[in-house]
Protein backbone atom coordinates (compact mmCIF):
# COMPACT_ATOMS: atom_id res chain seq x y z
CA UNK A 1 0.00 0.00 0.00
CA UNK A 2 1.26 3.46 -0.81
CA UNK A 3 2.52 5.43 2.18
CA UNK A 4 0.18 8.34 1.45
CA UNK A 5 -2.78 5.94 1.51
CA UNK A 6 -1.66 3.93 4.51
CA UNK A 7 -1.23 7.10 6.59
CA UNK A 8 -4.98 7.72 6.17
CA UNK A 9 -6.13 4.23 7.02
CA UNK A 10 -3.62 2.80 9.49
CA UNK A 11 -5.84 3.44 12.51
CA UNK A 12 -8.97 1.81 11.12
CA UNK A 13 -10.21 -0.82 13.54
CA UNK A 14 -12.19 -3.01 11.14
CA UNK A 15 -11.95 -4.18 7.57
CA UNK A 16 -15.32 -2.51 6.90
CA UNK A 17 -13.98 0.89 7.97
CA UNK A 18 -11.01 0.39 5.68
CA UNK A 19 -13.22 -0.75 2.79
CA UNK A 20 -15.60 2.19 3.20
CA UNK A 21 -12.85 4.80 3.14
CA UNK A 22 -11.05 3.19 0.20
CA UNK A 23 -14.29 3.01 -1.78
CA UNK A 24 -14.91 6.69 -0.99
CA UNK A 25 -11.53 7.58 -2.48
CA UNK A 26 -12.18 5.32 -5.46
CA UNK A 27 -15.55 6.92 -6.28
CA UNK A 28 -14.05 10.40 -6.25
CA UNK A 29 -11.20 9.50 -8.57
CA UNK A 30 -13.31 8.82 -11.65
CA UNK A 31 -12.24 12.09 -13.28
CA UNK A 32 -8.58 11.22 -12.70
CA UNK A 33 -9.15 7.81 -14.30
CA UNK A 34 -10.75 9.48 -17.31
CA UNK A 35 -7.77 11.85 -17.57
CA UNK A 36 -5.34 8.94 -17.45
CA UNK A 37 -7.24 7.11 -20.20
CA UNK A 38 -7.14 10.23 -22.33
CA UNK A 39 -3.42 10.64 -21.69
CA UNK A 40 -2.78 7.05 -22.73
CA UNK A 41 -4.80 7.44 -25.91
CA UNK A 42 -2.81 10.49 -26.99
CA UNK A 43 0.63 9.52 -25.70
CA UNK A 44 3.26 9.55 -28.46
CA UNK A 45 7.00 9.12 -28.52
CA UNK A 46 7.40 12.44 -30.41
CA UNK A 47 11.16 12.29 -30.81
CA UNK A 48 11.88 11.30 -27.21
CA UNK A 49 14.14 8.39 -26.48
CA UNK A 50 12.40 5.07 -26.16
CA UNK A 51 13.37 4.86 -22.48
CA UNK A 52 11.78 8.26 -21.71
CA UNK A 53 8.64 7.38 -23.64
CA UNK A 54 8.40 4.01 -21.91
CA UNK A 55 8.92 5.59 -18.48
CA UNK A 56 5.99 7.95 -19.02
CA UNK A 57 3.83 5.16 -20.45
CA UNK A 58 4.66 2.81 -17.57
CA UNK A 59 4.14 5.52 -14.96
CA UNK A 60 0.73 6.36 -16.39
CA UNK A 61 -0.29 2.70 -16.52
CA UNK A 62 0.91 2.16 -12.96
CA UNK A 63 -1.09 5.15 -11.72
CA UNK A 64 -4.16 3.89 -13.57
CA UNK A 65 -3.67 0.50 -11.96
CA UNK A 66 -3.90 2.15 -8.52
CA UNK A 67 -7.41 3.33 -9.28
C-alpha atoms as a PDB file:
ATOM      1  CA  UNK A   1       0.000   0.000   0.000  1.00  0.00           C
ATOM      2  CA  UNK A   2       1.265   3.458  -0.808  1.00  0.00           C
ATOM      3  CA  UNK A   3       2.521   5.426   2.181  1.00  0.00           C
ATOM      4  CA  UNK A   4       0.179   8.344   1.453  1.00  0.00           C
ATOM      5  CA  UNK A   5      -2.780   5.935   1.512  1.00  0.00           C
ATOM      6  CA  UNK A   6      -1.658   3.929   4.514  1.00  0.00           C
ATOM      7  CA  UNK A   7      -1.234   7.103   6.587  1.00  0.00           C
ATOM      8  CA  UNK A   8      -4.975   7.721   6.168  1.00  0.00           C
ATOM      9  CA  UNK A   9      -6.135   4.225   7.022  1.00  0.00           C
ATOM     10  CA  UNK A  10      -3.623   2.803   9.489  1.00  0.00           C
ATOM     11  CA  UNK A  11      -5.840   3.436  12.512  1.00  0.00           C
ATOM     12  CA  UNK A  12      -8.973   1.814  11.121  1.00  0.00           C
ATOM     13  CA  UNK A  13     -10.205  -0.824  13.539  1.00  0.00           C
ATOM     14  CA  UNK A  14     -12.189  -3.012  11.143  1.00  0.00           C
ATOM     15  CA  UNK A  15     -11.948  -4.180   7.571  1.00  0.00           C
ATOM     16  CA  UNK A  16     -15.316  -2.509   6.903  1.00  0.00           C
ATOM     17  CA  UNK A  17     -13.980   0.889   7.966  1.00  0.00           C
ATOM     18  CA  UNK A  18     -11.010   0.385   5.680  1.00  0.00           C
ATOM     19  CA  UNK A  19     -13.222  -0.754   2.794  1.00  0.00           C
ATOM     20  CA  UNK A  20     -15.601   2.192   3.204  1.00  0.00           C
ATOM     21  CA  UNK A  21     -12.845   4.801   3.144  1.00  0.00           C
ATOM     22  CA  UNK A  22     -11.051   3.188   0.202  1.00  0.00           C
ATOM     23  CA  UNK A  23     -14.292   3.005  -1.780  1.00  0.00           C
ATOM     24  CA  UNK A  24     -14.910   6.690  -0.991  1.00  0.00           C
ATOM     25  CA  UNK A  25     -11.529   7.579  -2.477  1.00  0.00           C
ATOM     26  CA  UNK A  26     -12.180   5.316  -5.459  1.00  0.00           C
ATOM     27  CA  UNK A  27     -15.555   6.925  -6.277  1.00  0.00           C
ATOM     28  CA  UNK A  28     -14.055  10.401  -6.249  1.00  0.00           C
ATOM     29  CA  UNK A  29     -11.199   9.498  -8.566  1.00  0.00           C
ATOM     30  CA  UNK A  30     -13.305   8.822 -11.648  1.00  0.00           C
ATOM     31  CA  UNK A  31     -12.241  12.094 -13.277  1.00  0.00           C
ATOM     32  CA  UNK A  32      -8.579  11.220 -12.704  1.00  0.00           C
ATOM     33  CA  UNK A  33      -9.147   7.812 -14.296  1.00  0.00           C
ATOM     34  CA  UNK A  34     -10.746   9.479 -17.310  1.00  0.00           C
ATOM     35  CA  UNK A  35      -7.770  11.850 -17.575  1.00  0.00           C
ATOM     36  CA  UNK A  36      -5.340   8.942 -17.448  1.00  0.00           C
ATOM     37  CA  UNK A  37      -7.239   7.108 -20.198  1.00  0.00           C
ATOM     38  CA  UNK A  38      -7.141  10.228 -22.331  1.00  0.00           C
ATOM     39  CA  UNK A  39      -3.422  10.645 -21.695  1.00  0.00           C
ATOM     40  CA  UNK A  40      -2.783   7.054 -22.735  1.00  0.00           C
ATOM     41  CA  UNK A  41      -4.799   7.436 -25.915  1.00  0.00           C
ATOM     42  CA  UNK A  42      -2.809  10.490 -26.993  1.00  0.00           C
ATOM     43  CA  UNK A  43       0.632   9.519 -25.699  1.00  0.00           C
ATOM     44  CA  UNK A  44       3.257   9.552 -28.463  1.00  0.00           C
ATOM     45  CA  UNK A  45       6.998   9.119 -28.519  1.00  0.00           C
ATOM     46  CA  UNK A  46       7.398  12.442 -30.415  1.00  0.00           C
ATOM     47  CA  UNK A  47      11.161  12.294 -30.811  1.00  0.00           C
ATOM     48  CA  UNK A  48      11.877  11.305 -27.208  1.00  0.00           C
ATOM     49  CA  UNK A  49      14.141   8.393 -26.478  1.00  0.00           C
ATOM     50  CA  UNK A  50      12.400   5.071 -26.158  1.00  0.00           C
ATOM     51  CA  UNK A  51      13.367   4.858 -22.484  1.00  0.00           C
ATOM     52  CA  UNK A  52      11.783   8.260 -21.711  1.00  0.00           C
ATOM     53  CA  UNK A  53       8.639   7.380 -23.645  1.00  0.00           C
ATOM     54  CA  UNK A  54       8.404   4.007 -21.911  1.00  0.00           C
ATOM     55  CA  UNK A  55       8.923   5.593 -18.479  1.00  0.00           C
ATOM     56  CA  UNK A  56       5.985   7.949 -19.023  1.00  0.00           C
ATOM     57  CA  UNK A  57       3.827   5.160 -20.446  1.00  0.00           C
ATOM     58  CA  UNK A  58       4.658   2.811 -17.575  1.00  0.00           C
ATOM     59  CA  UNK A  59       4.141   5.517 -14.957  1.00  0.00           C
ATOM     60  CA  UNK A  60       0.725   6.363 -16.389  1.00  0.00           C
ATOM     61  CA  UNK A  61      -0.293   2.700 -16.524  1.00  0.00           C
ATOM     62  CA  UNK A  62       0.914   2.162 -12.958  1.00  0.00           C
ATOM     63  CA  UNK A  63      -1.086   5.145 -11.718  1.00  0.00           C
ATOM     64  CA  UNK A  64      -4.157   3.894 -13.570  1.00  0.00           C
ATOM     65  CA  UNK A  65      -3.674   0.500 -11.955  1.00  0.00           C
ATOM     66  CA  UNK A  66      -3.904   2.154  -8.523  1.00  0.00           C
ATOM     67  CA  UNK A  67      -7.413   3.332  -9.281  1.00  0.00           C
END
